[in-house]
Amino acid sequence: MQKIVQDIADELVASGAERGLQVAVYRRGELLADVVAGVADAATGRPFTSSTPVYATSTGKGVTAAVVHVLAERKVFSYDTPIAELWPEFGARGKERATIRHALSHQAGVPGVPEATTPEDLCDWDLMCAAIADAEPWWEPGTRCGYHPQTFGYLLGEVVRRATGKRISQVLEEEVAGPLGVSGELFFAVPEAELDRLARIEEVAPPVTPPPSLRNGIPFFRVVGGYTAAPMAAMPDAGFSNRRDVLTAEIPAGGTMTARAVARVYDALLTGELVPPARLRELSAPAVRGLDEVTGVEAAWGLGYAIGLTPGLAAPTVFGMPGSGGTVAFADTETGLAVGILKNRIGDFATVDRIGSAVLSAAP
């Protein structure tokens, strides 16, 4: 496994398709592959190492979900607890029946943030939670699904905070990262002292966003009641992903991690270290299938995870979360493999598909 993945990573970097890569593969607690290639920072030539954290946008959602599952297993709350029971303000405007299950499976009906939201706004926890609590739902919670790009993190992060009295970063460290031995490699809010360790995210080409005249014709970019899933001023491009305020803030719709740390989390879900088999079966099975109201495509959502991820990782036994820059972390209940694929060049999912399918094909 190590050689197969290392050869692919080296080829991708040598060809110029990628600047730097990390890949980790676990099976039943054993690290089968710990691969690194290229540089973490093109400007300085600083090498990528296995311990270099990478900002991985929505790949972090799978870590947020893991925190929620651990707390649910400890009966801090249940999946069917109404969010407003813990966070009363959220019950405004017809959202009083939305549950934690709905938030995990992108059925809560609040995928948008205010249209003018900036990166600075996303760094302000209380501001964002207040905006989400005041939002009019786009559909009756529980009746449809639609990807919640940013609100996913605030919804579940505030549930965690209200239920435990602690920020989700603290709970992540105490309940997941620490017990699994990956402290220092798994973050929502990165400590200032750790920032110089991070990979530098770069673009292949300037990001393309639709002009205002076309936005409402594209489901992901439309504006509903002044809210949008994709605020133009806060798109997760390289500029956003390298901002010190963003990296040090609680924005748990994304995360900063190493491939081996996030793969370790998925392995712990599979092996029963974090949750027992019955809960694993529930969280990794489709909670909802159908047309996604935000992406405009057919989707299958488990509890915090996509079921089948990309064309190369479409098996129904695969659950996890891709990130918009072309990263992914997932587990496969059939092979027992847990995988993290991180990189520092924003792009499509060609690298994820190639490496992910090679890993699954080489499963021992």
Protein backbone atom coordinates (compact mmCIF):
# COMPACT_ATOMS: atom_id res chain seq x y z
CA MET A 1 0.00 0.00 0.00
CA GLN A 2 2.74 2.50 0.97
CA LYS A 3 4.65 2.09 -2.31
CA ILE A 4 1.55 2.21 -4.50
CA VAL A 5 0.39 5.50 -2.99
CA GLN A 6 3.88 7.01 -2.76
CA ASP A 7 4.51 6.37 -6.46
CA ILE A 8 1.27 8.12 -7.42
CA ALA A 9 1.96 11.08 -5.13
CA ASP A 10 5.50 11.49 -6.46
CA GLU A 11 4.24 11.38 -10.03
CA LEU A 12 1.56 14.01 -9.38
CA VAL A 13 4.06 16.39 -7.83
CA ALA A 14 6.73 15.77 -10.47
CA SER A 15 4.22 16.44 -13.26
CA GLY A 16 3.19 19.75 -11.72
CA ALA A 17 -0.38 18.59 -11.14
CA GLU A 18 0.12 19.07 -7.40
CA ARG A 19 2.44 21.17 -5.27
CA GLY A 20 2.31 19.07 -2.13
CA LEU A 21 0.37 16.03 -0.96
CA GLN A 22 -0.32 14.01 2.16
CA VAL A 23 -2.05 10.63 2.18
CA ALA A 24 -2.72 8.38 5.16
CA VAL A 25 -4.45 5.01 5.23
CA TYR A 26 -5.48 3.14 8.39
CA ARG A 27 -7.04 -0.25 8.88
CA ARG A 28 -8.03 -1.49 12.33
CA GLY A 29 -5.59 0.85 14.06
CA GLU A 30 -2.67 0.05 11.77
CA LEU A 31 -1.17 2.83 9.66
CA LEU A 32 -0.83 1.11 6.27
CA ALA A 33 0.37 4.18 4.38
CA ASP A 34 1.80 7.51 5.52
CA VAL A 35 2.74 9.28 2.29
CA VAL A 36 4.04 12.77 1.67
CA ALA A 37 5.37 14.47 -1.46
CA GLY A 38 6.27 17.99 -2.53
CA VAL A 39 6.46 21.24 -0.61
CA ALA A 40 4.18 22.89 1.90
CA ASP A 41 5.07 26.42 0.82
CA ALA A 42 6.12 27.18 -2.74
CA ALA A 43 7.61 30.55 -1.77
CA THR A 44 10.05 29.17 0.79
CA GLY A 45 10.46 25.58 -0.36
CA ARG A 46 9.47 24.33 3.09
CA PRO A 47 8.89 20.60 2.66
CA PHE A 48 5.58 18.89 3.25
CA THR A 49 5.86 16.44 6.13
CA SER A 50 3.38 14.03 7.65
CA SER A 51 2.90 16.47 10.55
CA THR A 52 2.16 19.54 8.38
CA PRO A 53 -1.45 20.62 9.03
CA VAL A 54 -3.55 21.63 6.01
CA TYR A 55 -6.67 23.80 5.91
CA ALA A 56 -9.15 21.46 4.24
CA THR A 57 -12.49 23.34 4.01
CA SER A 58 -15.48 20.99 4.19
CA THR A 59 -13.39 17.91 4.87
CA GLY A 60 -13.53 19.31 8.41
CA LYS A 61 -17.29 18.67 8.56
CA GLY A 62 -16.60 14.99 9.13
CA VAL A 63 -14.60 15.88 12.23
CA THR A 64 -17.39 18.12 13.51
CA ALA A 65 -19.81 15.23 13.04
CA ALA A 66 -17.49 12.88 14.94
CA VAL A 67 -17.58 15.21 17.95
CA VAL A 68 -21.39 15.22 17.83
CA HIS A 69 -21.53 11.42 17.62
CA VAL A 70 -19.26 11.01 20.64
CA LEU A 71 -21.49 13.33 22.68
CA ALA A 72 -24.63 11.57 21.48
CA GLU A 73 -23.15 8.25 22.56
CA ARG A 74 -22.54 9.75 26.00
CA LYS A 75 -26.19 10.84 26.08
CA VAL A 76 -25.37 14.54 26.28
CA PHE A 77 -28.17 14.81 23.71
CA SER A 78 -29.81 12.56 21.13
CA TYR A 79 -30.03 12.96 17.38
CA ASP A 80 -33.72 13.75 17.76
CA THR A 81 -33.22 16.48 20.33
CA PRO A 82 -34.73 19.71 18.92
CA ILE A 83 -31.97 22.27 18.41
CA ALA A 84 -34.17 24.89 20.09
CA GLU A 85 -34.28 22.77 23.24
CA LEU A 86 -30.59 23.57 23.72
CA TRP A 87 -30.52 26.86 21.81
CA PRO A 88 -33.92 28.53 22.31
CA GLU A 89 -33.23 31.48 20.01
CA PHE A 90 -32.90 29.09 17.08
CA GLY A 91 -36.58 28.19 17.31
CA ALA A 92 -37.65 31.48 15.70
CA ARG A 93 -39.46 31.68 12.34
CA GLY A 94 -40.72 28.11 12.21
CA LYS A 95 -37.49 26.27 13.08
CA GLU A 96 -38.62 24.97 16.46
CA ARG A 97 -38.94 21.37 15.19
CA ALA A 98 -35.50 21.18 13.57
CA THR A 99 -33.43 18.49 15.27
CA ILE A 100 -29.76 17.61 15.58
CA ARG A 101 -30.47 14.79 13.12
CA HIS A 102 -31.72 17.37 10.62
CA ALA A 103 -28.57 19.46 11.07
CA LEU A 104 -26.29 16.45 10.58
CA SER A 105 -28.11 15.37 7.42
CA HIS A 106 -28.45 18.83 5.85
CA GLN A 107 -32.22 18.91 6.34
CA ALA A 108 -32.40 21.81 8.82
CA GLY A 109 -33.55 24.28 6.17
CA VAL A 110 -31.01 27.03 6.93
CA PRO A 111 -28.19 26.57 4.39
CA GLY A 112 -27.65 30.30 3.94
CA VAL A 113 -25.83 33.12 5.67
CA PRO A 114 -26.51 36.84 5.03
CA GLU A 115 -25.60 37.73 1.45
CA ALA A 116 -23.04 40.35 2.54
CA THR A 117 -21.18 38.00 4.92
CA THR A 118 -17.41 38.62 4.97
CA PRO A 119 -14.52 36.51 6.28
CA GLU A 120 -14.45 38.77 9.33
CA ASP A 121 -18.11 37.96 9.94
CA LEU A 122 -17.44 34.22 9.75
CA CYS A 123 -14.83 34.68 12.47
CA ASP A 124 -17.45 36.22 14.79
CA TRP A 125 -19.19 33.24 16.41
CA ASP A 126 -21.95 35.17 18.16
CA LEU A 127 -22.72 37.23 15.05
CA MET A 128 -23.10 34.18 12.83
CA CYS A 129 -25.15 32.23 15.37
CA ALA A 130 -27.50 35.19 15.78
CA ALA A 131 -27.94 35.48 12.00
CA ILE A 132 -28.70 31.77 11.67
CA ALA A 133 -31.12 31.83 14.61
CA ASP A 134 -33.00 34.69 12.96
CA ALA A 135 -33.09 33.08 9.51
CA GLU A 136 -36.30 32.12 7.77
CA PRO A 137 -36.02 28.44 6.77
CA TRP A 138 -35.81 27.76 3.04
CA TRP A 139 -38.00 24.69 3.57
CA GLU A 140 -39.75 23.08 6.52
CA PRO A 141 -36.99 21.35 8.48
CA GLY A 142 -36.93 17.63 7.83
CA THR A 143 -38.89 17.75 4.57
CA ARG A 144 -36.02 18.31 2.13
CA CYS A 145 -32.24 18.23 2.08
CA GLY A 146 -29.78 20.86 0.91
CA TYR A 147 -26.07 21.21 1.59
CA HIS A 148 -25.30 23.67 4.42
CA PRO A 149 -21.80 24.92 3.43
CA GLN A 150 -21.10 27.24 6.37
CA THR A 151 -24.12 26.94 8.65
CA PHE A 152 -23.43 23.24 9.32
CA GLY A 153 -20.52 24.18 11.57
CA TYR A 154 -22.30 26.89 13.52
CA LEU A 155 -25.47 24.82 13.98
CA LEU A 156 -23.64 21.84 15.44
CA GLY A 157 -20.93 23.88 17.11
CA GLU A 158 -23.50 25.92 19.00
CA VAL A 159 -25.38 22.75 19.94
CA VAL A 160 -22.11 21.43 21.40
CA ARG A 161 -21.45 24.71 23.21
CA ARG A 162 -24.95 24.96 24.69
CA ALA A 163 -24.92 21.31 25.78
CA THR A 164 -21.42 21.22 27.28
CA GLY A 165 -20.58 24.85 28.07
CA LYS A 166 -17.40 24.45 25.98
CA ARG A 167 -16.28 25.61 22.55
CA ILE A 168 -16.23 22.81 20.01
CA SER A 169 -12.44 23.14 19.66
CA GLN A 170 -12.07 22.27 23.33
CA VAL A 171 -14.43 19.32 23.03
CA LEU A 172 -12.57 18.14 19.92
CA GLU A 173 -9.30 18.11 21.85
CA GLU A 174 -10.72 16.51 24.99
CA GLU A 175 -12.97 13.89 23.42
CA VAL A 176 -11.38 13.07 20.06
CA ALA A 177 -7.89 14.40 19.27
CA GLY A 178 -6.39 13.77 22.69
CA PRO A 179 -7.73 10.24 23.22
CA LEU A 180 -6.75 9.26 19.66
CA GLY A 181 -3.21 10.63 20.01
CA VAL A 182 -3.50 13.28 17.29
CA SER A 183 -3.28 16.45 19.38
CA GLY A 184 -1.41 19.12 17.44
CA GLU A 185 -2.62 17.73 14.12
CA LEU A 186 -6.40 18.29 14.29
CA PHE A 187 -7.97 21.72 14.77
CA PHE A 188 -10.96 23.90 14.21
CA ALA A 189 -9.37 27.05 15.69
CA VAL A 190 -5.60 26.78 15.18
CA PRO A 191 -3.53 28.26 18.05
CA GLU A 192 -1.48 31.28 16.94
CA ALA A 193 1.73 29.49 17.90
CA GLU A 194 0.97 26.69 15.41
CA LEU A 195 0.27 28.82 12.33
CA ASP A 196 3.78 28.72 10.89
CA ARG A 197 3.54 24.91 10.64
CA LEU A 198 0.62 25.01 8.22
CA ALA A 199 0.78 24.33 4.51
CA ARG A 200 0.32 27.37 2.31
CA ILE A 201 -2.76 27.03 0.10
CA GLU A 202 -2.39 28.15 -3.52
CA GLU A 203 -4.56 28.51 -6.62
CA VAL A 204 -3.84 27.04 -10.03
CA ALA A 205 -5.91 29.82 -11.55
CA PRO A 206 -8.02 32.68 -10.18
CA PRO A 207 -11.39 31.44 -8.89
CA VAL A 208 -14.35 31.99 -11.16
CA THR A 209 -17.66 33.16 -9.69
CA PRO A 210 -20.84 33.89 -11.62
CA PRO A 211 -21.89 37.51 -12.17
CA PRO A 212 -24.87 38.74 -10.13
CA SER A 213 -27.16 38.49 -13.14
CA LEU A 214 -26.67 34.72 -13.28
CA ARG A 215 -26.58 33.84 -9.61
CA ASN A 216 -30.23 32.99 -9.04
CA GLY A 217 -30.11 30.60 -11.99
CA ILE A 218 -27.52 28.46 -10.21
CA PRO A 219 -28.91 26.72 -7.11
CA PHE A 220 -25.71 27.03 -5.08
CA PHE A 221 -25.42 30.78 -5.62
CA ARG A 222 -29.03 31.91 -5.38
CA VAL A 223 -30.21 34.41 -2.77
CA VAL A 224 -33.32 33.70 -0.68
CA GLY A 225 -34.59 36.42 1.64
CA GLY A 226 -31.18 38.10 1.74
CA TYR A 227 -29.39 34.82 2.61
CA THR A 228 -27.14 32.72 0.37
CA ALA A 229 -25.19 29.49 0.72
CA ALA A 230 -22.29 31.13 -1.12
CA PRO A 231 -21.50 34.69 0.04
CA MET A 232 -19.29 36.23 -2.65
CA ALA A 233 -17.00 38.04 -0.18
CA ALA A 234 -16.20 34.86 1.76
CA MET A 235 -15.59 32.14 -0.81
CA PRO A 236 -13.00 29.56 0.32
CA ASP A 237 -10.27 30.47 -2.15
CA ALA A 238 -6.56 30.56 -1.34
CA GLY A 239 -6.77 34.07 0.06
CA PHE A 240 -9.49 33.00 2.48
CA SER A 241 -7.76 29.74 3.36
CA ASN A 242 -4.48 31.45 4.32
CA ARG A 243 -5.99 34.20 6.49
CA ARG A 244 -4.71 34.16 10.06
CA ASP A 245 -8.06 35.29 11.46
CA VAL A 246 -9.92 32.53 9.61
CA LEU A 247 -7.45 29.85 10.65
CA THR A 248 -7.54 30.85 14.33
CA ALA A 249 -11.34 31.24 14.49
CA GLU A 250 -14.01 28.66 15.30
CA ILE A 251 -15.45 27.91 11.83
CA PRO A 252 -16.19 24.18 12.12
CA ALA A 253 -17.70 23.83 8.67
CA GLY A 254 -14.02 23.40 7.79
CA GLY A 255 -10.93 22.27 9.63
CA THR A 256 -7.15 22.20 9.71
CA MET A 257 -5.59 18.76 9.95
CA THR A 258 -3.03 16.26 8.79
CA ALA A 259 -4.04 13.33 6.63
CA ARG A 260 -3.03 10.85 9.31
CA ALA A 261 -5.02 12.69 12.01
CA VAL A 262 -8.27 12.77 10.05
CA ALA A 263 -7.79 9.20 8.82
CA ARG A 264 -7.27 8.19 12.46
CA VAL A 265 -10.67 9.70 13.34
CA TYR A 266 -12.41 7.68 10.63
CA ASP A 267 -10.54 4.55 11.68
CA ALA A 268 -11.72 5.09 15.26
CA LEU A 269 -15.31 5.31 13.99
CA LEU A 270 -14.86 1.99 12.20
CA THR A 271 -13.13 0.15 15.04
CA GLY A 272 -15.44 1.21 17.86
CA GLU A 273 -13.00 3.47 19.68
CA LEU A 274 -15.30 6.48 19.29
CA VAL A 275 -18.74 4.90 18.84
CA PRO A 276 -20.10 1.33 18.99
CA PRO A 277 -21.09 -0.64 15.87
CA ALA A 278 -24.79 0.20 16.08
CA ARG A 279 -24.09 3.92 15.99
CA LEU A 280 -21.58 3.48 13.17
CA ARG A 281 -24.26 1.73 11.12
CA GLU A 282 -26.68 4.59 11.74
CA LEU A 283 -24.31 7.44 10.97
CA SER A 284 -22.91 5.81 7.82
CA ALA A 285 -26.27 4.87 6.28
CA PRO A 286 -28.33 7.29 4.17
CA ALA A 287 -30.61 9.36 6.39
CA VAL A 288 -32.01 11.12 3.33
CA ARG A 289 -31.80 10.72 -0.43
CA GLY A 290 -33.04 13.02 -3.14
CA LEU A 291 -32.49 16.26 -4.97
CA ASP A 292 -30.21 18.53 -2.99
CA GLU A 293 -31.87 21.95 -2.87
CA VAL A 294 -28.53 23.77 -2.72
CA THR A 295 -26.25 21.87 -5.09
CA GLY A 296 -29.02 20.99 -7.51
CA VAL A 297 -27.92 17.34 -7.86
CA GLU A 298 -29.05 14.03 -6.40
CA ALA A 299 -27.50 13.39 -2.99
CA ALA A 300 -27.38 10.85 -0.21
CA TRP A 301 -26.56 12.20 3.25
CA GLY A 302 -25.80 10.15 6.33
CA LEU A 303 -25.46 11.77 9.73
CA GLY A 304 -22.71 14.26 8.99
CA TYR A 305 -21.30 12.43 5.99
CA ALA A 306 -21.90 12.10 2.28
CA ILE A 307 -22.59 8.54 1.16
CA GLY A 308 -20.55 7.94 -1.97
CA LEU A 309 -18.33 10.98 -2.51
CA THR A 310 -16.91 11.49 -6.00
CA PRO A 311 -17.04 9.53 -9.26
CA GLY A 312 -14.06 7.47 -8.13
CA LEU A 313 -15.42 6.98 -4.62
CA ALA A 314 -19.06 6.29 -5.38
CA ALA A 315 -19.51 2.97 -3.57
CA PRO A 316 -22.44 3.00 -1.12
CA THR A 317 -20.12 1.64 1.58
CA VAL A 318 -17.96 4.79 1.45
CA PHE A 319 -18.85 7.65 3.78
CA GLY A 320 -16.92 10.85 4.42
CA MET A 321 -16.54 14.47 3.37
CA PRO A 322 -14.76 16.09 0.44
CA GLY A 323 -13.48 19.65 0.63
CA SER A 324 -13.85 22.29 -2.07
CA GLY A 325 -10.11 22.51 -2.72
CA GLY A 326 -9.93 18.85 -3.74
CA THR A 327 -9.32 17.16 -0.38
CA VAL A 328 -11.16 14.25 1.22
CA ALA A 329 -11.36 12.00 4.25
CA PHE A 330 -13.48 8.87 4.24
CA ALA A 331 -13.99 5.37 5.49
CA ASP A 332 -15.19 2.26 3.69
CA THR A 333 -17.21 -0.13 5.78
CA GLU A 334 -16.62 -2.97 3.31
CA THR A 335 -12.80 -2.93 3.30
CA GLY A 336 -12.35 -1.40 6.76
CA LEU A 337 -10.06 1.28 5.35
CA ALA A 338 -9.93 4.87 6.62
CA VAL A 339 -8.26 7.40 4.34
CA GLY A 340 -7.17 11.05 4.37
CA ILE A 341 -6.00 12.80 1.18
CA LEU A 342 -4.89 16.41 1.66
CA LYS A 343 -3.10 18.86 -0.62
CA ASN A 344 -2.23 22.51 -0.80
CA ARG A 345 -3.15 23.35 -4.39
CA ILE A 346 -6.82 24.16 -4.90
CA GLY A 347 -8.22 22.06 -7.72
CA ASP A 348 -10.75 19.44 -8.70
CA PHE A 349 -11.12 15.89 -7.41
CA ALA A 350 -8.92 14.14 -9.98
CA THR A 351 -6.20 13.51 -7.39
CA VAL A 352 -8.72 12.29 -4.81
CA ASP A 353 -10.32 9.93 -7.33
CA ARG A 354 -7.03 8.52 -8.52
CA ILE A 355 -5.50 7.94 -5.12
CA GLY A 356 -8.72 6.91 -3.41
CA SER A 357 -9.63 4.31 -6.01
CA ALA A 358 -6.05 2.96 -5.97
CA VAL A 359 -6.21 2.59 -2.20
CA LEU A 360 -9.53 0.75 -2.24
CA SER A 361 -8.36 -1.52 -5.06
CA ALA A 362 -5.21 -2.41 -3.09
CA ALA A 363 -7.10 -3.18 0.12
CA PRO A 364 -5.45 -6.13 1.90
